[in-house]
């Protein structure tokens, strides 16, 4: 059975980051996570949405530029 639930280490690997960074972000509520007992758990679909929003927020100007460039070339 395939699951959408990921461990801290799996999220770190998935995002190509250090587990300590993911741990710190989870504690600071900078990344969506749930602490179950002593372990952090993450839902992959929510991490994907969070990452997309994080990228959008950081690079809105570039995204808008790329979108307008794509629209111009399709006309």
PDB file of N, CA and C in Angstrom:
ATOM      1  N   UNK A   1       0.845  -1.181   0.000  1.00  0.00           N
ATOM      2  CA  UNK A   1       0.000   0.000   0.000  1.00  0.00           C
ATOM      3  C   UNK A   1       0.894   1.250   0.000  1.00  0.00           C
ATOM      4  N   UNK A   2       0.713   2.105  -0.980  1.00  0.00           N
ATOM      5  CA  UNK A   2       1.484   3.336  -1.083  1.00  0.00           C
ATOM      6  C   UNK A   2       0.849   4.394  -0.182  1.00  0.00           C
ATOM      7  N   UNK A   3       1.707   5.113   0.547  1.00  0.00           N
ATOM      8  CA  UNK A   3       1.194   6.110   1.482  1.00  0.00           C
ATOM      9  C   UNK A   3       1.687   7.510   1.118  1.00  0.00           C
ATOM     10  N   UNK A   4       0.926   8.480   1.526  1.00  0.00           N
ATOM     11  CA  UNK A   4       1.232   9.884   1.298  1.00  0.00           C
ATOM     12  C   UNK A   4       2.021  10.461   2.478  1.00  0.00           C
ATOM     13  N   UNK A   5       2.196   9.666   3.541  1.00  0.00           N
ATOM     14  CA  UNK A   5       2.856  10.124   4.761  1.00  0.00           C
ATOM     15  C   UNK A   5       4.357   9.888   4.650  1.00  0.00           C
ATOM     16  N   UNK A   6       5.116  10.933   5.000  1.00  0.00           N
ATOM     17  CA  UNK A   6       6.576  10.858   4.895  1.00  0.00           C
ATOM     18  C   UNK A   6       7.217  11.148   6.250  1.00  0.00           C
ATOM     19  N   UNK A   7       8.378  10.559   6.466  1.00  0.00           N
ATOM     20  CA  UNK A   7       9.165  10.854   7.655  1.00  0.00           C
ATOM     21  C   UNK A   7      10.010  12.098   7.398  1.00  0.00           C
ATOM     22  N   UNK A   8      10.620  12.597   8.446  1.00  0.00           N
ATOM     23  CA  UNK A   8      11.496  13.752   8.323  1.00  0.00           C
ATOM     24  C   UNK A   8      12.637  13.463   7.341  1.00  0.00           C
ATOM     25  N   UNK A   9      13.224  12.304   7.442  1.00  0.00           N
ATOM     26  CA  UNK A   9      14.333  11.936   6.559  1.00  0.00           C
ATOM     27  C   UNK A   9      13.870  11.831   5.104  1.00  0.00           C
ATOM     28  N   UNK A  10      12.675  11.302   4.890  1.00  0.00           N
ATOM     29  CA  UNK A  10      12.148  11.199   3.530  1.00  0.00           C
ATOM     30  C   UNK A  10      11.896  12.579   2.930  1.00  0.00           C
ATOM     31  N   UNK A  11      11.372  13.508   3.738  1.00  0.00           N
ATOM     32  CA  UNK A  11      11.147  14.873   3.255  1.00  0.00           C
ATOM     33  C   UNK A  11      12.478  15.537   2.933  1.00  0.00           C
ATOM     34  N   UNK A  12      13.466  15.347   3.794  1.00  0.00           N
ATOM     35  CA  UNK A  12      14.790  15.925   3.549  1.00  0.00           C
ATOM     36  C   UNK A  12      15.366  15.397   2.236  1.00  0.00           C
ATOM     37  N   UNK A  13      15.253  14.112   1.998  1.00  0.00           N
ATOM     38  CA  UNK A  13      15.735  13.523   0.746  1.00  0.00           C
ATOM     39  C   UNK A  13      14.935  14.061  -0.431  1.00  0.00           C
ATOM     40  N   UNK A  14      13.627  14.109  -0.291  1.00  0.00           N
ATOM     41  CA  UNK A  14      12.733  14.572  -1.350  1.00  0.00           C
ATOM     42  C   UNK A  14      13.048  16.010  -1.758  1.00  0.00           C
ATOM     43  N   UNK A  15      13.308  16.877  -0.761  1.00  0.00           N
ATOM     44  CA  UNK A  15      13.597  18.280  -1.029  1.00  0.00           C
ATOM     45  C   UNK A  15      15.098  18.545  -1.213  1.00  0.00           C
ATOM     46  N   UNK A  16      15.895  17.464  -1.090  1.00  0.00           N
ATOM     47  CA  UNK A  16      17.353  17.565  -1.224  1.00  0.00           C
ATOM     48  C   UNK A  16      17.928  18.579  -0.235  1.00  0.00           C
ATOM     49  N   UNK A  17      17.543  18.379   1.028  1.00  0.00           N
ATOM     50  CA  UNK A  17      17.981  19.246   2.117  1.00  0.00           C
ATOM     51  C   UNK A  17      18.500  18.388   3.258  1.00  0.00           C
ATOM     52  N   UNK A  18      19.105  19.034   4.233  1.00  0.00           N
ATOM     53  CA  UNK A  18      19.592  18.326   5.410  1.00  0.00           C
ATOM     54  C   UNK A  18      18.421  18.061   6.357  1.00  0.00           C
ATOM     55  N   UNK A  19      18.390  16.869   6.961  1.00  0.00           N
ATOM     56  CA  UNK A  19      17.319  16.570   7.917  1.00  0.00           C
ATOM     57  C   UNK A  19      17.232  17.596   9.052  1.00  0.00           C
ATOM     58  N   UNK A  20      18.363  18.119   9.505  1.00  0.00           N
ATOM     59  CA  UNK A  20      18.354  19.099  10.592  1.00  0.00           C
ATOM     60  C   UNK A  20      17.583  20.353  10.194  1.00  0.00           C
ATOM     61  N   UNK A  21      17.702  20.762   8.926  1.00  0.00           N
ATOM     62  CA  UNK A  21      16.970  21.943   8.454  1.00  0.00           C
ATOM     63  C   UNK A  21      15.470  21.676   8.483  1.00  0.00           C
ATOM     64  N   UNK A  22      15.061  20.513   8.001  1.00  0.00           N
ATOM     65  CA  UNK A  22      13.637  20.152   8.008  1.00  0.00           C
ATOM     66  C   UNK A  22      13.127  20.088   9.444  1.00  0.00           C
ATOM     67  N   UNK A  23      13.917  19.515  10.341  1.00  0.00           N
ATOM     68  CA  UNK A  23      13.549  19.424  11.756  1.00  0.00           C
ATOM     69  C   UNK A  23      13.331  20.823  12.347  1.00  0.00           C
ATOM     70  N   UNK A  24      14.278  21.716  12.092  1.00  0.00           N
ATOM     71  CA  UNK A  24      14.177  23.087  12.607  1.00  0.00           C
ATOM     72  C   UNK A  24      12.958  23.785  12.038  1.00  0.00           C
ATOM     73  N   UNK A  25      12.754  23.662  10.732  1.00  0.00           N
ATOM     74  CA  UNK A  25      11.594  24.292  10.102  1.00  0.00           C
ATOM     75  C   UNK A  25      10.288  23.743  10.659  1.00  0.00           C
ATOM     76  N   UNK A  26      10.229  22.435  10.916  1.00  0.00           N
ATOM     77  CA  UNK A  26       9.013  21.836  11.484  1.00  0.00           C
ATOM     78  C   UNK A  26       8.736  22.418  12.867  1.00  0.00           C
ATOM     79  N   UNK A  27       9.782  22.524  13.678  1.00  0.00           N
ATOM     80  CA  UNK A  27       9.614  23.092  15.023  1.00  0.00           C
ATOM     81  C   UNK A  27       9.157  24.541  14.966  1.00  0.00           C
ATOM     82  N   UNK A  28       9.659  25.282  13.988  1.00  0.00           N
ATOM     83  CA  UNK A  28       9.319  26.698  13.850  1.00  0.00           C
ATOM     84  C   UNK A  28       8.039  26.928  13.044  1.00  0.00           C
ATOM     85  N   UNK A  29       7.395  25.842  12.641  1.00  0.00           N
ATOM     86  CA  UNK A  29       6.167  25.888  11.837  1.00  0.00           C
ATOM     87  C   UNK A  29       6.383  26.590  10.491  1.00  0.00           C
ATOM     88  N   UNK A  30       7.583  26.440   9.934  1.00  0.00           N
ATOM     89  CA  UNK A  30       7.895  27.016   8.624  1.00  0.00           C
ATOM     90  C   UNK A  30       7.592  26.039   7.496  1.00  0.00           C
ATOM     91  N   UNK A  31       7.349  24.776   7.849  1.00  0.00           N
ATOM     92  CA  UNK A  31       6.982  23.747   6.894  1.00  0.00           C
ATOM     93  C   UNK A  31       5.825  22.967   7.520  1.00  0.00           C
ATOM     94  N   UNK A  32       4.798  22.614   6.735  1.00  0.00           N
ATOM     95  CA  UNK A  32       3.652  21.907   7.322  1.00  0.00           C
ATOM     96  C   UNK A  32       4.036  20.503   7.789  1.00  0.00           C
ATOM     97  N   UNK A  33       3.804  20.265   9.075  1.00  0.00           N
ATOM     98  CA  UNK A  33       4.181  18.983   9.679  1.00  0.00           C
ATOM     99  C   UNK A  33       3.301  18.708  10.888  1.00  0.00           C
ATOM    100  N   UNK A  34       3.272  17.447  11.269  1.00  0.00           N
ATOM    101  CA  UNK A  34       2.554  17.039  12.477  1.00  0.00           C
ATOM    102  C   UNK A  34       3.504  16.231  13.347  1.00  0.00           C
ATOM    103  N   UNK A  35       3.545  16.548  14.624  1.00  0.00           N
ATOM    104  CA  UNK A  35       4.372  15.783  15.546  1.00  0.00           C
ATOM    105  C   UNK A  35       3.488  14.732  16.204  1.00  0.00           C
ATOM    106  N   UNK A  36       3.829  13.490  15.958  1.00  0.00           N
ATOM    107  CA  UNK A  36       3.076  12.364  16.524  1.00  0.00           C
ATOM    108  C   UNK A  36       4.016  11.669  17.499  1.00  0.00           C
ATOM    109  N   UNK A  37       3.717  11.831  18.773  1.00  0.00           N
ATOM    110  CA  UNK A  37       4.658  11.341  19.791  1.00  0.00           C
ATOM    111  C   UNK A  37       5.930  12.162  19.703  1.00  0.00           C
ATOM    112  N   UNK A  38       7.038  11.496  19.467  1.00  0.00           N
ATOM    113  CA  UNK A  38       8.323  12.188  19.339  1.00  0.00           C
ATOM    114  C   UNK A  38       8.755  12.343  17.882  1.00  0.00           C
ATOM    115  N   UNK A  39       7.945  11.885  16.967  1.00  0.00           N
ATOM    116  CA  UNK A  39       8.318  11.861  15.549  1.00  0.00           C
ATOM    117  C   UNK A  39       7.531  12.882  14.732  1.00  0.00           C
ATOM    118  N   UNK A  40       8.210  13.499  13.775  1.00  0.00           N
ATOM    119  CA  UNK A  40       7.554  14.400  12.834  1.00  0.00           C
ATOM    120  C   UNK A  40       7.077  13.602  11.627  1.00  0.00           C
ATOM    121  N   UNK A  41       5.882  13.945  11.134  1.00  0.00           N
ATOM    122  CA  UNK A  41       5.337  13.329   9.926  1.00  0.00           C
ATOM    123  C   UNK A  41       4.843  14.431   9.000  1.00  0.00           C
ATOM    124  N   UNK A  42       4.915  14.142   7.716  1.00  0.00           N
ATOM    125  CA  UNK A  42       4.585  15.104   6.683  1.00  0.00           C
ATOM    126  C   UNK A  42       3.709  14.422   5.643  1.00  0.00           C
ATOM    127  N   UNK A  43       2.795  15.162   5.056  1.00  0.00           N
ATOM    128  CA  UNK A  43       1.945  14.631   3.997  1.00  0.00           C
ATOM    129  C   UNK A  43       2.511  15.147   2.673  1.00  0.00           C
ATOM    130  N   UNK A  44       2.897  14.232   1.793  1.00  0.00           N
ATOM    131  CA  UNK A  44       3.571  14.589   0.551  1.00  0.00           C
ATOM    132  C   UNK A  44       2.770  15.582  -0.274  1.00  0.00           C
ATOM    133  N   UNK A  45       1.481  15.376  -0.401  1.00  0.00           N
ATOM    134  CA  UNK A  45       0.660  16.275  -1.209  1.00  0.00           C
ATOM    135  C   UNK A  45       0.674  17.699  -0.643  1.00  0.00           C
ATOM    136  N   UNK A  46       0.716  17.827   0.679  1.00  0.00           N
ATOM    137  CA  UNK A  46       0.767  19.149   1.302  1.00  0.00           C
ATOM    138  C   UNK A  46       2.156  19.760   1.130  1.00  0.00           C
ATOM    139  N   UNK A  47       3.200  18.945   1.236  1.00  0.00           N
ATOM    140  CA  UNK A  47       4.565  19.439   1.004  1.00  0.00           C
ATOM    141  C   UNK A  47       4.689  19.952  -0.426  1.00  0.00           C
ATOM    142  N   UNK A  48       4.106  19.241  -1.379  1.00  0.00           N
ATOM    143  CA  UNK A  48       4.144  19.686  -2.779  1.00  0.00           C
ATOM    144  C   UNK A  48       3.463  21.043  -2.941  1.00  0.00           C
ATOM    145  N   UNK A  49       2.307  21.207  -2.324  1.00  0.00           N
ATOM    146  CA  UNK A  49       1.590  22.494  -2.393  1.00  0.00           C
ATOM    147  C   UNK A  49       2.386  23.598  -1.706  1.00  0.00           C
ATOM    148  N   UNK A  50       2.935  23.297  -0.527  1.00  0.00           N
ATOM    149  CA  UNK A  50       3.740  24.265   0.217  1.00  0.00           C
ATOM    150  C   UNK A  50       4.940  24.711  -0.616  1.00  0.00           C
ATOM    151  N   UNK A  51       5.614  23.758  -1.247  1.00  0.00           N
ATOM    152  CA  UNK A  51       6.792  24.077  -2.055  1.00  0.00           C
ATOM    153  C   UNK A  51       6.412  24.969  -3.236  1.00  0.00           C
ATOM    154  N   UNK A  52       5.315  24.645  -3.900  1.00  0.00           N
ATOM    155  CA  UNK A  52       4.866  25.456  -5.036  1.00  0.00           C
ATOM    156  C   UNK A  52       4.572  26.887  -4.589  1.00  0.00           C
ATOM    157  N   UNK A  53       3.905  27.047  -3.452  1.00  0.00           N
ATOM    158  CA  UNK A  53       3.617  28.383  -2.933  1.00  0.00           C
ATOM    159  C   UNK A  53       4.889  29.096  -2.501  1.00  0.00           C
ATOM    160  N   UNK A  54       5.818  28.361  -1.892  1.00  0.00           N
ATOM    161  CA  UNK A  54       7.085  28.926  -1.441  1.00  0.00           C
ATOM    162  C   UNK A  54       7.869  29.462  -2.639  1.00  0.00           C
ATOM    163  N   UNK A  55       7.932  28.678  -3.697  1.00  0.00           N
ATOM    164  CA  UNK A  55       8.627  29.104  -4.917  1.00  0.00           C
ATOM    165  C   UNK A  55       7.898  30.299  -5.526  1.00  0.00           C
ATOM    166  N   UNK A  56       6.573  30.231  -5.619  1.00  0.00           N
ATOM    167  CA  UNK A  56       5.804  31.336  -6.188  1.00  0.00           C
ATOM    168  C   UNK A  56       6.047  32.626  -5.423  1.00  0.00           C
ATOM    169  N   UNK A  57       6.019  32.570  -4.085  1.00  0.00           N
ATOM    170  CA  UNK A  57       6.212  33.763  -3.269  1.00  0.00           C
ATOM    171  C   UNK A  57       7.601  34.361  -3.456  1.00  0.00           C
ATOM    172  N   UNK A  58       8.600  33.517  -3.566  1.00  0.00           N
ATOM    173  CA  UNK A  58       9.977  33.996  -3.678  1.00  0.00           C
ATOM    174  C   UNK A  58      10.297  34.546  -5.062  1.00  0.00           C
ATOM    175  N   UNK A  59       9.629  34.014  -6.073  1.00  0.00           N
ATOM    176  CA  UNK A  59      10.017  34.334  -7.445  1.00  0.00           C
ATOM    177  C   UNK A  59       8.858  34.812  -8.305  1.00  0.00           C
ATOM    178  N   UNK A  60       7.915  35.522  -7.703  1.00  0.00           N
ATOM    179  CA  UNK A  60       6.740  35.999  -8.447  1.00  0.00           C
ATOM    180  C   UNK A  60       7.117  36.799  -9.683  1.00  0.00           C
ATOM    181  N   UNK A  61       8.098  37.668  -9.571  1.00  0.00           N
ATOM    182  CA  UNK A  61       8.494  38.499 -10.712  1.00  0.00           C
ATOM    183  C   UNK A  61       8.991  37.629 -11.866  1.00  0.00           C
ATOM    184  N   UNK A  62       9.813  36.635 -11.564  1.00  0.00           N
ATOM    185  CA  UNK A  62      10.322  35.747 -12.609  1.00  0.00           C
ATOM    186  C   UNK A  62       9.211  34.897 -13.221  1.00  0.00           C
ATOM    187  N   UNK A  63       8.310  34.419 -12.380  1.00  0.00           N
ATOM    188  CA  UNK A  63       7.201  33.592 -12.856  1.00  0.00           C
ATOM    189  C   UNK A  63       6.310  34.412 -13.786  1.00  0.00           C
ATOM    190  N   UNK A  64       5.987  35.644 -13.371  1.00  0.00           N
ATOM    191  CA  UNK A  64       5.158  36.518 -14.217  1.00  0.00           C
ATOM    192  C   UNK A  64       5.850  36.802 -15.547  1.00  0.00           C
ATOM    193  N   UNK A  65       7.149  37.038 -15.496  1.00  0.00           N
ATOM    194  CA  UNK A  65       7.917  37.306 -16.713  1.00  0.00           C
ATOM    195  C   UNK A  65       7.884  36.096 -17.643  1.00  0.00           C
ATOM    196  N   UNK A  66       8.077  34.900 -17.085  1.00  0.00           N
ATOM    197  CA  UNK A  66       8.063  33.682 -17.887  1.00  0.00           C
ATOM    198  C   UNK A  66       6.676  33.437 -18.490  1.00  0.00           C
ATOM    199  N   UNK A  67       5.633  33.688 -17.696  1.00  0.00           N
ATOM    200  CA  UNK A  67       4.266  33.505 -18.196  1.00  0.00           C
ATOM    201  C   UNK A  67       3.974  34.452 -19.354  1.00  0.00           C
ATOM    202  N   UNK A  68       4.368  35.716 -19.199  1.00  0.00           N
ATOM    203  CA  UNK A  68       4.092  36.685 -20.264  1.00  0.00           C
ATOM    204  C   UNK A  68       4.918  36.372 -21.508  1.00  0.00           C
ATOM    205  N   UNK A  69       6.122  35.872 -21.311  1.00  0.00           N
ATOM    206  CA  UNK A  69       6.971  35.491 -22.444  1.00  0.00           C
ATOM    207  C   UNK A  69       6.345  34.317 -23.200  1.00  0.00           C
ATOM    208  N   UNK A  70       5.817  33.347 -22.463  1.00  0.00           N
ATOM    209  CA  UNK A  70       5.156  32.189 -23.091  1.00  0.00           C
ATOM    210  C   UNK A  70       3.903  32.611 -23.838  1.00  0.00           C
ATOM    211  N   UNK A  71       3.146  33.551 -23.272  1.00  0.00           N
ATOM    212  CA  UNK A  71       1.933  34.034 -23.934  1.00  0.00           C
ATOM    213  C   UNK A  71       2.284  34.793 -25.201  1.00  0.00           C
ATOM    214  N   UNK A  72       3.340  35.595 -25.156  1.00  0.00           N
ATOM    215  CA  UNK A  72       3.772  36.367 -26.330  1.00  0.00           C
ATOM    216  C   UNK A  72       4.222  35.446 -27.464  1.00  0.00           C
ATOM    217  N   UNK A  73       4.914  34.361 -27.115  1.00  0.00           N
ATOM    218  CA  UNK A  73       5.423  33.473 -28.152  1.00  0.00           C
ATOM    219  C   UNK A  73       4.327  32.583 -28.745  1.00  0.00           C
ATOM    220  N   UNK A  74       3.207  32.424 -28.017  1.00  0.00           N
ATOM    221  CA  UNK A  74       2.120  31.586 -28.537  1.00  0.00           C
ATOM    222  C   UNK A  74       1.160  32.376 -29.399  1.00  0.00           C
ATOM    223  N   UNK A  75       1.304  33.693 -29.431  1.00  0.00           N
ATOM    224  CA  UNK A  75       0.392  34.534 -30.227  1.00  0.00           C
ATOM    225  C   UNK A  75       0.865  34.664 -31.643  1.00  0.00           C
TER     226      UNK A  75
END
